[in-house]
Amino acid sequence: MKANRLLDIFLFRIGGEEDSHTNQPQVTVGSIVWGAILRSSIIIVLTFLMFAYFDVYQYWWVSMFALWFLVAFPAWRQWETFHARMANFTESTLCGSCLHFESGSQLCKLLDEHVSIEHLPCEGLNWTPKSIDN
C-alpha cells in the first residue's frame, strides 16, 4: 500500500472526484509538494551524475528543461486539478463552509479527521460558520 502511494506521488497521478468520497484522500497540498521535491532531487542527482560522467557541462540548460517539463509543469497541472476539486468540494459539503475545515488537506482541524462527501466527522454538531471577513 505504501509503495503504491509513493509511486502515485512520484508519477503525479492526478486525483479526481474519487478523493472527495474517501476518508483518506490521495492528493493533498502535501502530496503535491512532496512529489515535486522527490522528482526535483532525483533529476538534480541524475543531472550531476550525467554531467560528471559525460563531461557535458556546457549543456546545463537541459537540466532546466527537465525540471520544468518533469517537475514544475506536472505539479502545476495537479495543483490546478486539486484546486478545482476542492472548490467543488467546499461548495457541496457542510464542512466546506465550516471554520474548522482545512481545504489544503481536506481535514477537520477540530477533530483531526479527513472529511469526505459521505463522512462528516462531527455530523454537523460542531459546525461553526466561517466569518464574512475571511
N, C-alpha and C. Protein backbone atom coordinates (compact mmCIF):
# COMPACT_ATOMS: atom_id res chain seq x y z
N MET A 1 0.83 -1.20 0.00
CA MET A 1 0.00 0.00 0.00
C MET A 1 0.87 1.26 0.00
N LYS A 2 1.90 1.28 0.86
CA LYS A 2 2.80 2.45 0.92
C LYS A 2 3.55 2.62 -0.39
N ALA A 3 3.98 1.50 -1.01
CA ALA A 3 4.72 1.59 -2.27
C ALA A 3 3.83 2.15 -3.37
N ASN A 4 2.58 1.77 -3.39
CA ASN A 4 1.66 2.30 -4.39
C ASN A 4 1.44 3.79 -4.19
N ARG A 5 1.32 4.22 -2.96
CA ARG A 5 1.12 5.65 -2.69
C ARG A 5 2.36 6.45 -3.07
N LEU A 6 3.56 5.93 -2.78
CA LEU A 6 4.79 6.60 -3.16
C LEU A 6 4.89 6.69 -4.68
N LEU A 7 4.50 5.63 -5.37
CA LEU A 7 4.51 5.64 -6.82
C LEU A 7 3.51 6.65 -7.37
N ASP A 8 2.34 6.76 -6.75
CA ASP A 8 1.35 7.76 -7.17
C ASP A 8 1.91 9.17 -7.02
N ILE A 9 2.59 9.42 -5.91
CA ILE A 9 3.17 10.74 -5.67
C ILE A 9 4.28 11.02 -6.68
N PHE A 10 5.13 10.03 -6.92
CA PHE A 10 6.24 10.21 -7.84
C PHE A 10 5.75 10.45 -9.26
N LEU A 11 4.69 9.76 -9.67
CA LEU A 11 4.19 9.88 -11.04
C LEU A 11 3.18 11.01 -11.21
N PHE A 12 2.92 11.76 -10.15
CA PHE A 12 1.94 12.84 -10.19
C PHE A 12 0.62 12.37 -10.77
N ARG A 13 0.14 11.24 -10.29
CA ARG A 13 -1.16 10.78 -10.74
C ARG A 13 -2.21 11.74 -10.21
N ILE A 14 -2.96 12.28 -11.11
CA ILE A 14 -3.90 13.33 -10.77
C ILE A 14 -5.13 12.70 -10.14
N GLY A 15 -5.40 13.10 -8.92
CA GLY A 15 -6.60 12.62 -8.24
C GLY A 15 -7.83 13.32 -8.78
N GLY A 16 -8.90 12.60 -8.79
CA GLY A 16 -10.15 13.17 -9.30
C GLY A 16 -11.18 13.28 -8.20
N GLU A 17 -12.41 13.23 -8.61
CA GLU A 17 -13.51 13.36 -7.67
C GLU A 17 -13.59 12.19 -6.69
N GLU A 18 -12.93 11.08 -7.00
CA GLU A 18 -12.96 9.94 -6.07
C GLU A 18 -12.31 10.29 -4.74
N ASP A 19 -11.39 11.26 -4.72
CA ASP A 19 -10.78 11.70 -3.46
C ASP A 19 -11.78 12.43 -2.57
N SER A 20 -12.84 12.96 -3.16
CA SER A 20 -13.87 13.63 -2.37
C SER A 20 -14.76 12.64 -1.64
N HIS A 21 -14.71 11.38 -2.06
CA HIS A 21 -15.58 10.36 -1.47
C HIS A 21 -14.85 9.42 -0.52
N THR A 22 -13.54 9.58 -0.35
CA THR A 22 -12.79 8.69 0.53
C THR A 22 -12.37 9.42 1.79
N ASN A 23 -12.17 8.65 2.86
CA ASN A 23 -11.71 9.24 4.12
C ASN A 23 -10.21 9.48 4.13
N GLN A 24 -9.48 8.91 3.20
CA GLN A 24 -8.04 9.12 3.08
C GLN A 24 -7.72 9.63 1.68
N PRO A 25 -7.80 10.94 1.43
CA PRO A 25 -7.54 11.46 0.09
C PRO A 25 -6.09 11.23 -0.32
N GLN A 26 -5.89 10.87 -1.58
CA GLN A 26 -4.55 10.61 -2.08
C GLN A 26 -3.83 11.89 -2.47
N VAL A 27 -4.56 12.87 -2.97
CA VAL A 27 -3.94 14.11 -3.43
C VAL A 27 -4.30 15.24 -2.48
N THR A 28 -3.28 15.78 -1.83
CA THR A 28 -3.42 16.95 -0.98
C THR A 28 -2.28 17.90 -1.35
N VAL A 29 -2.25 19.06 -0.74
CA VAL A 29 -1.16 20.00 -1.00
C VAL A 29 0.18 19.36 -0.63
N GLY A 30 0.19 18.64 0.48
CA GLY A 30 1.43 17.98 0.92
C GLY A 30 1.93 16.95 -0.07
N SER A 31 1.03 16.17 -0.66
CA SER A 31 1.47 15.15 -1.63
C SER A 31 1.99 15.80 -2.90
N ILE A 32 1.41 16.93 -3.29
CA ILE A 32 1.90 17.64 -4.48
C ILE A 32 3.30 18.20 -4.22
N VAL A 33 3.50 18.80 -3.06
CA VAL A 33 4.82 19.35 -2.72
C VAL A 33 5.84 18.23 -2.57
N TRP A 34 5.47 17.15 -1.90
CA TRP A 34 6.37 16.02 -1.71
C TRP A 34 6.77 15.43 -3.05
N GLY A 35 5.82 15.30 -3.97
CA GLY A 35 6.13 14.78 -5.30
C GLY A 35 7.10 15.69 -6.05
N ALA A 36 6.90 17.00 -5.94
CA ALA A 36 7.81 17.94 -6.61
C ALA A 36 9.21 17.87 -6.02
N ILE A 37 9.31 17.78 -4.69
CA ILE A 37 10.63 17.68 -4.06
C ILE A 37 11.31 16.37 -4.43
N LEU A 38 10.57 15.28 -4.42
CA LEU A 38 11.12 13.97 -4.77
C LEU A 38 11.64 13.95 -6.20
N ARG A 39 10.82 14.41 -7.12
CA ARG A 39 11.24 14.44 -8.53
C ARG A 39 12.41 15.40 -8.75
N SER A 40 12.38 16.55 -8.12
CA SER A 40 13.47 17.52 -8.28
C SER A 40 14.78 16.94 -7.81
N SER A 41 14.77 16.31 -6.65
CA SER A 41 16.02 15.75 -6.13
C SER A 41 16.54 14.64 -7.02
N ILE A 42 15.67 13.81 -7.55
CA ILE A 42 16.11 12.73 -8.45
C ILE A 42 16.70 13.32 -9.72
N ILE A 43 16.05 14.32 -10.29
CA ILE A 43 16.56 14.93 -11.52
C ILE A 43 17.87 15.65 -11.28
N ILE A 44 18.02 16.33 -10.16
CA ILE A 44 19.27 17.03 -9.86
C ILE A 44 20.42 16.04 -9.69
N VAL A 45 20.18 14.97 -8.97
CA VAL A 45 21.24 13.96 -8.77
C VAL A 45 21.60 13.32 -10.10
N LEU A 46 20.61 12.94 -10.90
CA LEU A 46 20.89 12.32 -12.20
C LEU A 46 21.61 13.29 -13.14
N THR A 47 21.26 14.56 -13.06
CA THR A 47 21.92 15.56 -13.90
C THR A 47 23.39 15.71 -13.51
N PHE A 48 23.68 15.80 -12.22
CA PHE A 48 25.08 15.90 -11.78
C PHE A 48 25.88 14.66 -12.18
N LEU A 49 25.28 13.49 -12.02
CA LEU A 49 25.98 12.26 -12.40
C LEU A 49 26.22 12.21 -13.90
N MET A 50 25.21 12.60 -14.68
CA MET A 50 25.37 12.58 -16.13
C MET A 50 26.41 13.59 -16.58
N PHE A 51 26.39 14.79 -16.01
CA PHE A 51 27.36 15.81 -16.40
C PHE A 51 28.78 15.39 -16.02
N ALA A 52 28.94 14.79 -14.87
CA ALA A 52 30.27 14.36 -14.44
C ALA A 52 30.77 13.18 -15.28
N TYR A 53 29.89 12.27 -15.61
CA TYR A 53 30.30 11.07 -16.36
C TYR A 53 30.62 11.39 -17.82
N PHE A 54 29.77 12.21 -18.46
CA PHE A 54 29.95 12.51 -19.87
C PHE A 54 30.69 13.83 -20.11
N ASP A 55 30.97 14.59 -19.07
CA ASP A 55 31.69 15.86 -19.17
C ASP A 55 31.04 16.80 -20.19
N VAL A 56 29.73 17.04 -19.98
CA VAL A 56 28.97 17.91 -20.88
C VAL A 56 28.39 19.09 -20.09
N TYR A 57 29.21 19.79 -19.36
CA TYR A 57 28.75 20.90 -18.53
C TYR A 57 28.18 22.06 -19.34
N GLN A 58 28.54 22.18 -20.61
CA GLN A 58 28.04 23.28 -21.42
C GLN A 58 26.55 23.14 -21.73
N TYR A 59 25.97 21.95 -21.46
CA TYR A 59 24.54 21.74 -21.70
C TYR A 59 23.74 21.79 -20.40
N TRP A 60 24.08 22.71 -19.52
CA TRP A 60 23.39 22.86 -18.24
C TRP A 60 21.91 23.20 -18.41
N TRP A 61 21.57 23.86 -19.51
CA TRP A 61 20.20 24.28 -19.75
C TRP A 61 19.25 23.10 -19.93
N VAL A 62 19.79 21.94 -20.27
CA VAL A 62 18.95 20.74 -20.41
C VAL A 62 18.32 20.38 -19.07
N SER A 63 19.06 20.57 -17.99
CA SER A 63 18.51 20.28 -16.67
C SER A 63 17.36 21.22 -16.32
N MET A 64 17.43 22.47 -16.79
CA MET A 64 16.33 23.41 -16.54
C MET A 64 15.06 22.97 -17.26
N PHE A 65 15.22 22.51 -18.52
CA PHE A 65 14.06 21.99 -19.24
C PHE A 65 13.50 20.74 -18.56
N ALA A 66 14.38 19.88 -18.08
CA ALA A 66 13.93 18.68 -17.38
C ALA A 66 13.17 19.03 -16.11
N LEU A 67 13.66 20.01 -15.36
CA LEU A 67 12.95 20.43 -14.16
C LEU A 67 11.59 21.03 -14.49
N TRP A 68 11.51 21.77 -15.59
CA TRP A 68 10.22 22.35 -15.94
C TRP A 68 9.25 21.28 -16.43
N PHE A 69 9.67 20.46 -17.40
CA PHE A 69 8.74 19.51 -18.01
C PHE A 69 8.47 18.27 -17.16
N LEU A 70 9.37 17.93 -16.26
CA LEU A 70 9.17 16.73 -15.45
C LEU A 70 8.78 17.02 -14.00
N VAL A 71 8.90 18.28 -13.57
CA VAL A 71 8.57 18.61 -12.18
C VAL A 71 7.54 19.74 -12.11
N ALA A 72 7.91 20.91 -12.56
CA ALA A 72 7.08 22.10 -12.33
C ALA A 72 5.75 22.04 -13.08
N PHE A 73 5.77 21.71 -14.35
CA PHE A 73 4.53 21.70 -15.12
C PHE A 73 3.56 20.61 -14.64
N PRO A 74 4.00 19.37 -14.43
CA PRO A 74 3.06 18.37 -13.88
C PRO A 74 2.54 18.73 -12.50
N ALA A 75 3.38 19.33 -11.65
CA ALA A 75 2.92 19.73 -10.32
C ALA A 75 1.89 20.85 -10.44
N TRP A 76 2.10 21.78 -11.34
CA TRP A 76 1.14 22.86 -11.55
C TRP A 76 -0.19 22.32 -12.06
N ARG A 77 -0.15 21.36 -13.00
CA ARG A 77 -1.39 20.75 -13.51
C ARG A 77 -2.13 20.02 -12.39
N GLN A 78 -1.40 19.32 -11.54
CA GLN A 78 -2.04 18.61 -10.44
C GLN A 78 -2.61 19.61 -9.43
N TRP A 79 -1.91 20.70 -9.19
CA TRP A 79 -2.41 21.73 -8.28
C TRP A 79 -3.71 22.33 -8.81
N GLU A 80 -3.77 22.62 -10.11
CA GLU A 80 -4.99 23.17 -10.70
C GLU A 80 -6.15 22.19 -10.56
N THR A 81 -5.92 20.92 -10.80
CA THR A 81 -6.97 19.91 -10.66
C THR A 81 -7.42 19.81 -9.21
N PHE A 82 -6.45 19.81 -8.29
CA PHE A 82 -6.78 19.75 -6.87
C PHE A 82 -7.58 20.97 -6.43
N HIS A 83 -7.17 22.14 -6.89
CA HIS A 83 -7.85 23.38 -6.52
C HIS A 83 -9.29 23.37 -7.04
N ALA A 84 -9.51 22.92 -8.26
CA ALA A 84 -10.86 22.85 -8.82
C ALA A 84 -11.72 21.85 -8.04
N ARG A 85 -11.12 20.70 -7.67
CA ARG A 85 -11.86 19.70 -6.90
C ARG A 85 -12.23 20.24 -5.53
N MET A 86 -11.31 20.95 -4.88
CA MET A 86 -11.60 21.48 -3.55
C MET A 86 -12.62 22.61 -3.61
N ALA A 87 -12.65 23.39 -4.68
CA ALA A 87 -13.67 24.42 -4.83
C ALA A 87 -15.06 23.77 -4.93
N ASN A 88 -15.14 22.70 -5.69
CA ASN A 88 -16.40 21.96 -5.80
C ASN A 88 -16.76 21.30 -4.47
N PHE A 89 -15.76 20.76 -3.78
CA PHE A 89 -15.98 20.08 -2.51
C PHE A 89 -16.50 21.04 -1.45
N THR A 90 -15.92 22.23 -1.37
CA THR A 90 -16.33 23.19 -0.35
C THR A 90 -17.74 23.72 -0.61
N GLU A 91 -18.15 23.76 -1.88
CA GLU A 91 -19.50 24.21 -2.19
C GLU A 91 -20.54 23.12 -1.94
N SER A 92 -20.15 21.86 -2.03
CA SER A 92 -21.13 20.78 -1.96
C SER A 92 -21.24 20.12 -0.59
N THR A 93 -20.41 20.53 0.37
CA THR A 93 -20.48 19.91 1.69
C THR A 93 -20.70 20.97 2.77
N LEU A 94 -21.25 20.53 3.87
CA LEU A 94 -21.43 21.40 5.03
C LEU A 94 -20.08 21.79 5.60
N CYS A 95 -19.14 20.86 5.60
CA CYS A 95 -17.80 21.12 6.16
C CYS A 95 -17.06 22.22 5.38
N GLY A 96 -17.38 22.37 4.11
CA GLY A 96 -16.71 23.39 3.31
C GLY A 96 -16.94 24.80 3.81
N SER A 97 -18.04 25.03 4.48
CA SER A 97 -18.34 26.36 5.00
C SER A 97 -18.06 26.47 6.49
N CYS A 98 -17.37 25.47 7.05
CA CYS A 98 -17.08 25.45 8.48
C CYS A 98 -15.72 26.10 8.76
N LEU A 99 -15.63 26.74 9.90
CA LEU A 99 -14.40 27.40 10.33
C LEU A 99 -13.28 26.39 10.55
N HIS A 100 -13.60 25.18 10.92
CA HIS A 100 -12.61 24.17 11.27
C HIS A 100 -12.12 23.36 10.07
N PHE A 101 -12.60 23.64 8.88
CA PHE A 101 -12.22 22.88 7.69
C PHE A 101 -10.95 23.43 7.09
N GLU A 102 -9.97 22.57 6.84
CA GLU A 102 -8.71 22.92 6.19
C GLU A 102 -8.74 22.32 4.79
N SER A 103 -8.90 23.18 3.78
CA SER A 103 -9.07 22.67 2.42
C SER A 103 -7.78 22.10 1.84
N GLY A 104 -6.64 22.54 2.29
CA GLY A 104 -5.37 22.04 1.75
C GLY A 104 -5.14 20.57 2.04
N SER A 105 -5.69 20.08 3.13
CA SER A 105 -5.51 18.67 3.48
C SER A 105 -6.84 17.94 3.57
N GLN A 106 -7.94 18.62 3.23
CA GLN A 106 -9.29 18.04 3.31
C GLN A 106 -9.53 17.47 4.70
N LEU A 107 -9.26 18.30 5.71
CA LEU A 107 -9.21 17.86 7.09
C LEU A 107 -10.06 18.76 7.98
N CYS A 108 -10.72 18.13 8.96
CA CYS A 108 -11.39 18.88 10.02
C CYS A 108 -10.35 19.10 11.11
N LYS A 109 -9.97 20.36 11.32
CA LYS A 109 -8.92 20.67 12.30
C LYS A 109 -9.37 20.41 13.73
N LEU A 110 -10.65 20.52 13.98
CA LEU A 110 -11.17 20.34 15.33
C LEU A 110 -11.05 18.88 15.78
N LEU A 111 -11.44 17.95 14.90
CA LEU A 111 -11.41 16.53 15.25
C LEU A 111 -10.23 15.79 14.64
N ASP A 112 -9.43 16.48 13.84
CA ASP A 112 -8.25 15.90 13.19
C ASP A 112 -8.62 14.64 12.40
N GLU A 113 -9.66 14.76 11.58
CA GLU A 113 -10.11 13.67 10.72
C GLU A 113 -10.32 14.20 9.31
N HIS A 114 -10.07 13.33 8.32
CA HIS A 114 -10.34 13.71 6.94
C HIS A 114 -11.84 13.74 6.70
N VAL A 115 -12.25 14.65 5.87
CA VAL A 115 -13.65 14.85 5.54
C VAL A 115 -13.91 14.31 4.14
N SER A 116 -15.05 13.69 3.94
CA SER A 116 -15.46 13.29 2.60
C SER A 116 -16.92 13.66 2.43
N ILE A 117 -17.43 13.47 1.24
CA ILE A 117 -18.82 13.81 0.99
C ILE A 117 -19.74 12.90 1.80
N GLU A 118 -19.35 11.63 1.97
CA GLU A 118 -20.16 10.70 2.74
C GLU A 118 -19.89 10.75 4.24
N HIS A 119 -18.73 11.31 4.65
CA HIS A 119 -18.34 11.26 6.05
C HIS A 119 -18.06 12.67 6.57
N LEU A 120 -18.92 13.14 7.45
CA LEU A 120 -18.71 14.40 8.15
C LEU A 120 -18.30 14.02 9.58
N PRO A 121 -17.09 14.34 10.01
CA PRO A 121 -16.58 13.85 11.29
C PRO A 121 -17.48 14.18 12.48
N CYS A 122 -17.99 15.39 12.54
CA CYS A 122 -18.81 15.76 13.70
C CYS A 122 -20.30 15.63 13.41
N GLU A 123 -20.63 15.21 12.20
CA GLU A 123 -22.01 15.08 11.73
C GLU A 123 -22.77 16.40 11.85
N GLY A 124 -22.05 17.50 11.75
CA GLY A 124 -22.66 18.82 11.78
C GLY A 124 -22.88 19.40 13.16
N LEU A 125 -22.53 18.66 14.20
CA LEU A 125 -22.77 19.15 15.57
C LEU A 125 -21.81 20.26 15.97
N ASN A 126 -20.57 20.23 15.49
CA ASN A 126 -19.57 21.24 15.83
C ASN A 126 -19.37 22.26 14.70
N TRP A 127 -20.32 22.33 13.79
CA TRP A 127 -20.19 23.24 12.65
C TRP A 127 -20.21 24.68 13.14
N THR A 128 -19.20 25.43 12.71
CA THR A 128 -19.10 26.85 13.03
C THR A 128 -18.90 27.58 11.72
N PRO A 129 -19.77 28.52 11.40
CA PRO A 129 -19.65 29.19 10.10
C PRO A 129 -18.38 30.05 10.02
N LYS A 130 -17.82 30.09 8.83
CA LYS A 130 -16.68 30.98 8.61
C LYS A 130 -17.19 32.41 8.65
N SER A 131 -16.36 33.29 9.18
CA SER A 131 -16.80 34.69 9.26
C SER A 131 -16.74 35.31 7.86
N ILE A 132 -17.47 36.35 7.67
CA ILE A 132 -17.52 37.03 6.38
C ILE A 132 -16.19 37.71 6.07
N ASP A 133 -15.43 38.07 7.10
CA ASP A 133 -14.14 38.73 6.89
C ASP A 133 -13.12 37.82 6.25
N ASN A 134 -13.21 36.49 6.46
CA ASN A 134 -12.25 35.56 5.89
C ASN A 134 -12.57 35.38 4.45
